[in-house]
């Protein structure tokens, strides 16, 4: 798994990026195009699996961009089940009752009506 962190700066309409602890550098006309270039550069350095990225603006002219290559990718609320249970079939059966309890709690919250209306 590779983690690539970049510091981005905008100067004169051009975005530039430098890897925080490494030698990858890139530039582009827009932050979006720069992100695409940085993902490709990270994949060229480490192509071990799925890619995740995050863009965090710091100011209008600077940002932090992180690319994570490899590792587990969780989709939806069942990410732990997708990764595979460590204890075999016994641990998979425990997840269903917990989900049912959670749904019951949500239904109870929806039924709480105080009889007040915004338009009365």
N, C-alpha and C. Protein backbone atom coordinates (compact mmCIF):
# COMPACT_ATOMS: atom_id res chain seq x y z
N UNK A 1 0.85 -1.17 0.00
CA UNK A 1 0.00 0.00 0.00
C UNK A 1 0.89 1.23 0.00
N UNK A 2 0.60 2.15 -0.89
CA UNK A 2 1.37 3.38 -0.97
C UNK A 2 0.51 4.59 -0.67
N UNK A 3 1.02 5.50 0.13
CA UNK A 3 0.33 6.73 0.46
C UNK A 3 1.16 7.88 -0.06
N UNK A 4 0.57 8.68 -0.92
CA UNK A 4 1.25 9.81 -1.54
C UNK A 4 0.53 11.09 -1.13
N UNK A 5 1.24 12.00 -0.48
CA UNK A 5 0.67 13.26 -0.02
C UNK A 5 1.34 14.40 -0.78
N UNK A 6 0.51 15.29 -1.33
CA UNK A 6 1.01 16.40 -2.14
C UNK A 6 0.52 17.73 -1.58
N UNK A 7 1.37 18.74 -1.70
CA UNK A 7 1.01 20.11 -1.36
C UNK A 7 0.82 20.84 -2.67
N UNK A 8 -0.37 21.44 -2.86
CA UNK A 8 -0.71 22.13 -4.11
C UNK A 8 -0.76 23.63 -3.87
N UNK A 9 -0.26 24.39 -4.86
CA UNK A 9 -0.29 25.85 -4.81
C UNK A 9 -0.77 26.38 -6.15
N UNK A 10 -1.54 27.47 -6.09
CA UNK A 10 -2.00 28.14 -7.29
C UNK A 10 -1.31 29.50 -7.37
N UNK A 11 -0.59 29.72 -8.45
CA UNK A 11 0.10 30.98 -8.63
C UNK A 11 -0.04 31.41 -10.08
N UNK A 12 -0.65 32.55 -10.30
CA UNK A 12 -0.80 33.07 -11.66
C UNK A 12 -1.68 32.19 -12.55
N UNK A 13 -2.64 31.49 -11.96
CA UNK A 13 -3.54 30.65 -12.75
C UNK A 13 -3.01 29.25 -13.01
N UNK A 14 -1.82 28.92 -12.55
CA UNK A 14 -1.26 27.59 -12.74
C UNK A 14 -1.14 26.89 -11.39
N UNK A 15 -1.64 25.67 -11.33
CA UNK A 15 -1.54 24.85 -10.14
C UNK A 15 -0.28 24.00 -10.21
N UNK A 16 0.49 23.99 -9.11
CA UNK A 16 1.69 23.15 -9.03
C UNK A 16 1.58 22.26 -7.80
N UNK A 17 2.21 21.11 -7.87
CA UNK A 17 2.19 20.17 -6.75
C UNK A 17 3.56 19.59 -6.52
N UNK A 18 3.88 19.39 -5.26
CA UNK A 18 5.13 18.73 -4.87
C UNK A 18 4.78 17.72 -3.80
N UNK A 19 5.32 16.52 -3.96
CA UNK A 19 5.08 15.47 -2.99
C UNK A 19 5.70 15.85 -1.66
N UNK A 20 4.99 15.60 -0.56
CA UNK A 20 5.45 16.00 0.77
C UNK A 20 6.79 15.34 1.13
N UNK A 21 6.89 14.06 0.96
CA UNK A 21 8.17 13.39 1.23
C UNK A 21 8.45 12.46 0.07
N UNK A 22 8.92 13.04 -0.99
CA UNK A 22 9.22 12.29 -2.20
C UNK A 22 9.63 13.24 -3.31
N UNK A 23 9.73 12.72 -4.52
CA UNK A 23 10.22 13.55 -5.61
C UNK A 23 9.22 13.72 -6.75
N UNK A 24 7.95 13.40 -6.54
CA UNK A 24 6.94 13.58 -7.59
C UNK A 24 6.50 15.04 -7.60
N UNK A 25 6.56 15.65 -8.78
CA UNK A 25 6.10 17.02 -8.98
C UNK A 25 5.28 17.07 -10.25
N UNK A 26 4.30 17.99 -10.31
CA UNK A 26 3.47 18.15 -11.51
C UNK A 26 2.86 19.54 -11.50
N UNK A 27 2.34 19.94 -12.67
CA UNK A 27 1.64 21.22 -12.78
C UNK A 27 0.57 21.09 -13.85
N UNK A 28 -0.47 21.95 -13.72
CA UNK A 28 -1.58 21.94 -14.68
C UNK A 28 -2.33 23.26 -14.57
N UNK A 29 -3.22 23.49 -15.54
CA UNK A 29 -4.00 24.73 -15.57
C UNK A 29 -5.12 24.76 -14.53
N UNK A 30 -5.59 23.59 -14.09
CA UNK A 30 -6.66 23.55 -13.10
C UNK A 30 -6.32 22.52 -12.02
N UNK A 31 -6.96 22.68 -10.86
CA UNK A 31 -6.72 21.75 -9.77
C UNK A 31 -7.19 20.34 -10.15
N UNK A 32 -8.30 20.26 -10.89
CA UNK A 32 -8.82 18.96 -11.31
C UNK A 32 -7.84 18.23 -12.22
N UNK A 33 -7.30 18.93 -13.21
CA UNK A 33 -6.32 18.31 -14.11
C UNK A 33 -5.06 17.90 -13.36
N UNK A 34 -4.67 18.69 -12.38
CA UNK A 34 -3.50 18.36 -11.58
C UNK A 34 -3.74 17.10 -10.76
N UNK A 35 -4.93 16.97 -10.20
CA UNK A 35 -5.27 15.77 -9.43
C UNK A 35 -5.18 14.53 -10.31
N UNK A 36 -5.68 14.63 -11.52
CA UNK A 36 -5.62 13.49 -12.44
C UNK A 36 -4.17 13.10 -12.74
N UNK A 37 -3.32 14.10 -12.95
CA UNK A 37 -1.90 13.83 -13.21
C UNK A 37 -1.23 13.17 -12.00
N UNK A 38 -1.57 13.64 -10.80
CA UNK A 38 -0.96 13.10 -9.60
C UNK A 38 -1.39 11.66 -9.34
N UNK A 39 -2.64 11.33 -9.62
CA UNK A 39 -3.10 9.95 -9.48
C UNK A 39 -2.34 9.05 -10.44
N UNK A 40 -2.16 9.51 -11.68
CA UNK A 40 -1.41 8.71 -12.66
C UNK A 40 0.05 8.55 -12.23
N UNK A 41 0.64 9.60 -11.68
CA UNK A 41 2.03 9.50 -11.21
C UNK A 41 2.15 8.54 -10.03
N UNK A 42 1.18 8.57 -9.13
CA UNK A 42 1.19 7.65 -7.99
C UNK A 42 1.02 6.21 -8.47
N UNK A 43 0.15 5.99 -9.44
CA UNK A 43 -0.04 4.64 -9.99
C UNK A 43 1.21 4.15 -10.71
N UNK A 44 1.94 5.05 -11.32
CA UNK A 44 3.19 4.65 -11.98
C UNK A 44 4.23 4.22 -10.95
N UNK A 45 4.21 4.83 -9.77
CA UNK A 45 5.16 4.48 -8.72
C UNK A 45 4.73 3.24 -7.94
N UNK A 46 3.41 3.01 -7.81
CA UNK A 46 2.91 1.87 -7.03
C UNK A 46 1.55 1.48 -7.59
N UNK A 47 1.50 0.38 -8.31
CA UNK A 47 0.23 -0.06 -8.91
C UNK A 47 -0.26 -1.33 -8.22
N UNK A 48 -0.30 -1.32 -6.90
CA UNK A 48 -0.61 -2.53 -6.14
C UNK A 48 -2.08 -2.76 -5.88
N UNK A 49 -2.97 -1.91 -6.36
CA UNK A 49 -4.39 -2.17 -6.11
C UNK A 49 -5.26 -0.96 -6.38
N UNK A 50 -6.38 -0.91 -5.67
CA UNK A 50 -7.38 0.14 -5.85
C UNK A 50 -6.80 1.50 -5.45
N UNK A 51 -7.43 2.56 -5.96
CA UNK A 51 -6.96 3.92 -5.71
C UNK A 51 -8.04 4.72 -5.00
N UNK A 52 -7.65 5.42 -3.95
CA UNK A 52 -8.52 6.36 -3.26
C UNK A 52 -7.80 7.69 -3.22
N UNK A 53 -8.56 8.79 -3.30
CA UNK A 53 -7.91 10.09 -3.22
C UNK A 53 -8.80 11.05 -2.44
N UNK A 54 -8.15 12.07 -1.87
CA UNK A 54 -8.90 13.11 -1.17
C UNK A 54 -8.24 14.45 -1.43
N UNK A 55 -9.07 15.46 -1.64
CA UNK A 55 -8.63 16.82 -1.92
C UNK A 55 -9.15 17.71 -0.80
N UNK A 56 -8.25 18.39 -0.10
CA UNK A 56 -8.64 19.24 1.02
C UNK A 56 -8.10 20.65 0.80
N UNK A 57 -8.99 21.60 0.44
CA UNK A 57 -8.53 22.98 0.28
C UNK A 57 -8.10 23.58 1.61
N UNK A 58 -7.00 24.31 1.58
CA UNK A 58 -6.50 24.99 2.77
C UNK A 58 -6.83 26.47 2.68
N UNK A 59 -6.67 27.02 1.50
CA UNK A 59 -7.01 28.41 1.20
C UNK A 59 -7.40 28.45 -0.28
N UNK A 60 -7.84 29.59 -0.79
CA UNK A 60 -8.19 29.63 -2.22
C UNK A 60 -7.02 29.32 -3.15
N UNK A 61 -5.80 29.45 -2.65
CA UNK A 61 -4.64 29.22 -3.52
C UNK A 61 -3.76 28.05 -3.09
N UNK A 62 -4.23 27.23 -2.13
CA UNK A 62 -3.44 26.07 -1.73
C UNK A 62 -4.35 24.94 -1.26
N UNK A 63 -3.81 23.72 -1.32
CA UNK A 63 -4.59 22.54 -0.93
C UNK A 63 -3.65 21.39 -0.63
N UNK A 64 -4.21 20.37 -0.01
CA UNK A 64 -3.51 19.12 0.24
C UNK A 64 -4.26 18.05 -0.56
N UNK A 65 -3.51 17.21 -1.26
CA UNK A 65 -4.11 16.14 -2.05
C UNK A 65 -3.41 14.85 -1.67
N UNK A 66 -4.19 13.82 -1.36
CA UNK A 66 -3.61 12.55 -0.95
C UNK A 66 -4.14 11.44 -1.84
N UNK A 67 -3.23 10.56 -2.27
CA UNK A 67 -3.57 9.41 -3.09
C UNK A 67 -3.14 8.16 -2.31
N UNK A 68 -4.06 7.22 -2.15
CA UNK A 68 -3.75 5.96 -1.48
C UNK A 68 -3.94 4.85 -2.49
N UNK A 69 -2.88 4.09 -2.72
CA UNK A 69 -2.91 2.99 -3.69
C UNK A 69 -2.81 1.68 -2.91
N UNK A 70 -3.76 0.77 -3.19
CA UNK A 70 -3.77 -0.51 -2.49
C UNK A 70 -4.58 -0.42 -1.23
N UNK A 71 -4.51 -1.46 -0.42
CA UNK A 71 -5.26 -1.48 0.82
C UNK A 71 -6.68 -1.91 0.58
N UNK A 72 -7.47 -1.96 1.65
CA UNK A 72 -8.86 -2.39 1.57
C UNK A 72 -9.74 -1.22 1.17
N UNK A 73 -10.68 -1.48 0.29
CA UNK A 73 -11.65 -0.48 -0.13
C UNK A 73 -13.00 -0.90 0.42
N UNK A 74 -13.61 -0.06 1.24
CA UNK A 74 -14.90 -0.37 1.83
C UNK A 74 -15.99 0.35 1.06
N UNK A 75 -17.02 -0.40 0.68
CA UNK A 75 -18.14 0.17 -0.07
C UNK A 75 -19.39 0.00 0.77
N UNK A 76 -20.10 1.08 1.01
CA UNK A 76 -21.35 1.00 1.76
C UNK A 76 -21.12 0.73 3.23
N UNK A 77 -22.19 0.34 3.93
CA UNK A 77 -22.13 0.11 5.36
C UNK A 77 -21.61 -1.27 5.71
N UNK A 78 -21.56 -2.20 4.77
CA UNK A 78 -21.15 -3.56 5.07
C UNK A 78 -19.70 -3.80 4.76
N UNK A 79 -18.85 -2.82 4.95
CA UNK A 79 -17.44 -2.95 4.61
C UNK A 79 -16.74 -4.06 5.36
N UNK A 80 -17.05 -4.26 6.64
CA UNK A 80 -16.39 -5.30 7.42
C UNK A 80 -16.76 -6.67 6.90
N UNK A 81 -18.00 -6.84 6.50
CA UNK A 81 -18.42 -8.13 5.96
C UNK A 81 -17.79 -8.37 4.59
N UNK A 82 -17.58 -7.32 3.84
CA UNK A 82 -16.96 -7.47 2.52
C UNK A 82 -15.51 -7.90 2.63
N UNK A 83 -14.84 -7.50 3.71
CA UNK A 83 -13.44 -7.86 3.89
C UNK A 83 -13.29 -9.32 4.31
N UNK A 84 -14.36 -9.94 4.76
CA UNK A 84 -14.33 -11.35 5.14
C UNK A 84 -14.22 -11.51 6.63
N UNK A 85 -15.06 -12.33 7.21
CA UNK A 85 -15.02 -12.51 8.66
C UNK A 85 -13.79 -13.30 9.08
N UNK A 86 -13.18 -12.92 10.17
CA UNK A 86 -11.98 -13.59 10.65
C UNK A 86 -12.32 -14.89 11.35
N UNK A 87 -13.50 -14.99 11.96
CA UNK A 87 -13.84 -16.17 12.74
C UNK A 87 -14.66 -17.18 11.98
N UNK A 88 -14.85 -17.05 10.72
CA UNK A 88 -15.62 -18.00 9.93
C UNK A 88 -17.10 -17.65 9.94
N UNK A 89 -17.97 -18.66 9.77
CA UNK A 89 -19.40 -18.45 9.63
C UNK A 89 -20.04 -17.94 10.92
N UNK A 90 -19.47 -18.23 12.07
CA UNK A 90 -20.07 -17.81 13.33
C UNK A 90 -20.14 -16.30 13.45
N UNK A 91 -19.12 -15.59 13.01
CA UNK A 91 -19.14 -14.13 13.14
C UNK A 91 -20.06 -13.50 12.10
N UNK A 92 -20.30 -14.15 10.98
CA UNK A 92 -21.19 -13.60 9.97
C UNK A 92 -22.63 -13.60 10.45
N UNK A 93 -23.02 -14.54 11.29
CA UNK A 93 -24.38 -14.60 11.79
C UNK A 93 -24.67 -13.52 12.82
N UNK A 94 -23.67 -12.97 13.46
CA UNK A 94 -23.87 -11.94 14.47
C UNK A 94 -24.21 -10.60 13.87
N UNK A 95 -23.88 -10.36 12.63
CA UNK A 95 -24.09 -9.06 12.01
C UNK A 95 -25.56 -8.79 11.73
N UNK A 96 -26.34 -9.79 11.39
CA UNK A 96 -27.74 -9.59 11.02
C UNK A 96 -28.58 -9.08 12.20
N UNK A 97 -28.50 -9.66 13.41
CA UNK A 97 -29.32 -9.13 14.50
C UNK A 97 -28.97 -7.69 14.84
N UNK A 98 -27.71 -7.32 14.74
CA UNK A 98 -27.33 -5.94 15.02
C UNK A 98 -27.97 -4.99 14.02
N UNK A 99 -28.05 -5.40 12.77
CA UNK A 99 -28.67 -4.56 11.75
C UNK A 99 -30.17 -4.43 12.01
N UNK A 100 -30.81 -5.50 12.45
CA UNK A 100 -32.25 -5.44 12.73
C UNK A 100 -32.52 -4.51 13.90
N UNK A 101 -31.70 -4.56 14.94
CA UNK A 101 -31.88 -3.69 16.08
C UNK A 101 -31.74 -2.23 15.67
N UNK A 102 -30.82 -1.95 14.79
CA UNK A 102 -30.60 -0.59 14.32
C UNK A 102 -31.82 -0.09 13.55
N UNK A 103 -32.40 -0.95 12.70
CA UNK A 103 -33.58 -0.56 11.94
C UNK A 103 -34.76 -0.29 12.86
N UNK A 104 -34.94 -1.11 13.91
CA UNK A 104 -36.03 -0.90 14.85
C UNK A 104 -35.90 0.45 15.54
N UNK A 105 -34.69 0.82 15.88
CA UNK A 105 -34.46 2.09 16.56
C UNK A 105 -34.83 3.25 15.65
N UNK A 106 -34.50 3.16 14.37
CA UNK A 106 -34.83 4.22 13.42
C UNK A 106 -36.33 4.36 13.30
N UNK A 107 -37.05 3.24 13.26
CA UNK A 107 -38.50 3.31 13.14
C UNK A 107 -39.11 3.98 14.35
N UNK A 108 -38.59 3.73 15.54
CA UNK A 108 -39.11 4.36 16.74
C UNK A 108 -38.92 5.86 16.69
N UNK A 109 -37.80 6.31 16.20
CA UNK A 109 -37.53 7.75 16.11
C UNK A 109 -38.48 8.43 15.13
N UNK A 110 -38.84 7.75 14.05
CA UNK A 110 -39.74 8.33 13.06
C UNK A 110 -41.15 8.47 13.60
N UNK A 111 -41.55 7.62 14.56
CA UNK A 111 -42.91 7.63 15.11
C UNK A 111 -43.10 8.70 16.18
N UNK A 112 -42.04 9.33 16.63
CA UNK A 112 -42.15 10.35 17.67
C UNK A 112 -42.73 11.63 17.08
N UNK A 113 -44.04 11.83 17.28
CA UNK A 113 -44.72 13.02 16.76
C UNK A 113 -45.27 13.78 17.94
N UNK A 114 -44.87 15.01 18.12
CA UNK A 114 -45.30 15.81 19.23
C UNK A 114 -46.60 16.55 18.95
N UNK A 115 -47.17 16.40 17.76
CA UNK A 115 -48.41 17.07 17.43
C UNK A 115 -48.22 18.53 17.03
N UNK A 116 -47.00 18.94 16.84
CA UNK A 116 -46.72 20.33 16.45
C UNK A 116 -46.52 20.40 14.95
N UNK A 117 -46.98 21.47 14.36
CA UNK A 117 -46.82 21.62 12.93
C UNK A 117 -46.24 23.01 12.66
N UNK A 118 -45.42 23.08 11.68
CA UNK A 118 -44.79 24.34 11.32
C UNK A 118 -45.80 25.34 10.77
N UNK A 119 -46.89 24.84 10.18
CA UNK A 119 -47.85 25.71 9.51
C UNK A 119 -49.11 25.97 10.32
N UNK A 120 -49.18 25.59 11.59
CA UNK A 120 -50.36 25.84 12.44
C UNK A 120 -50.28 27.20 13.07
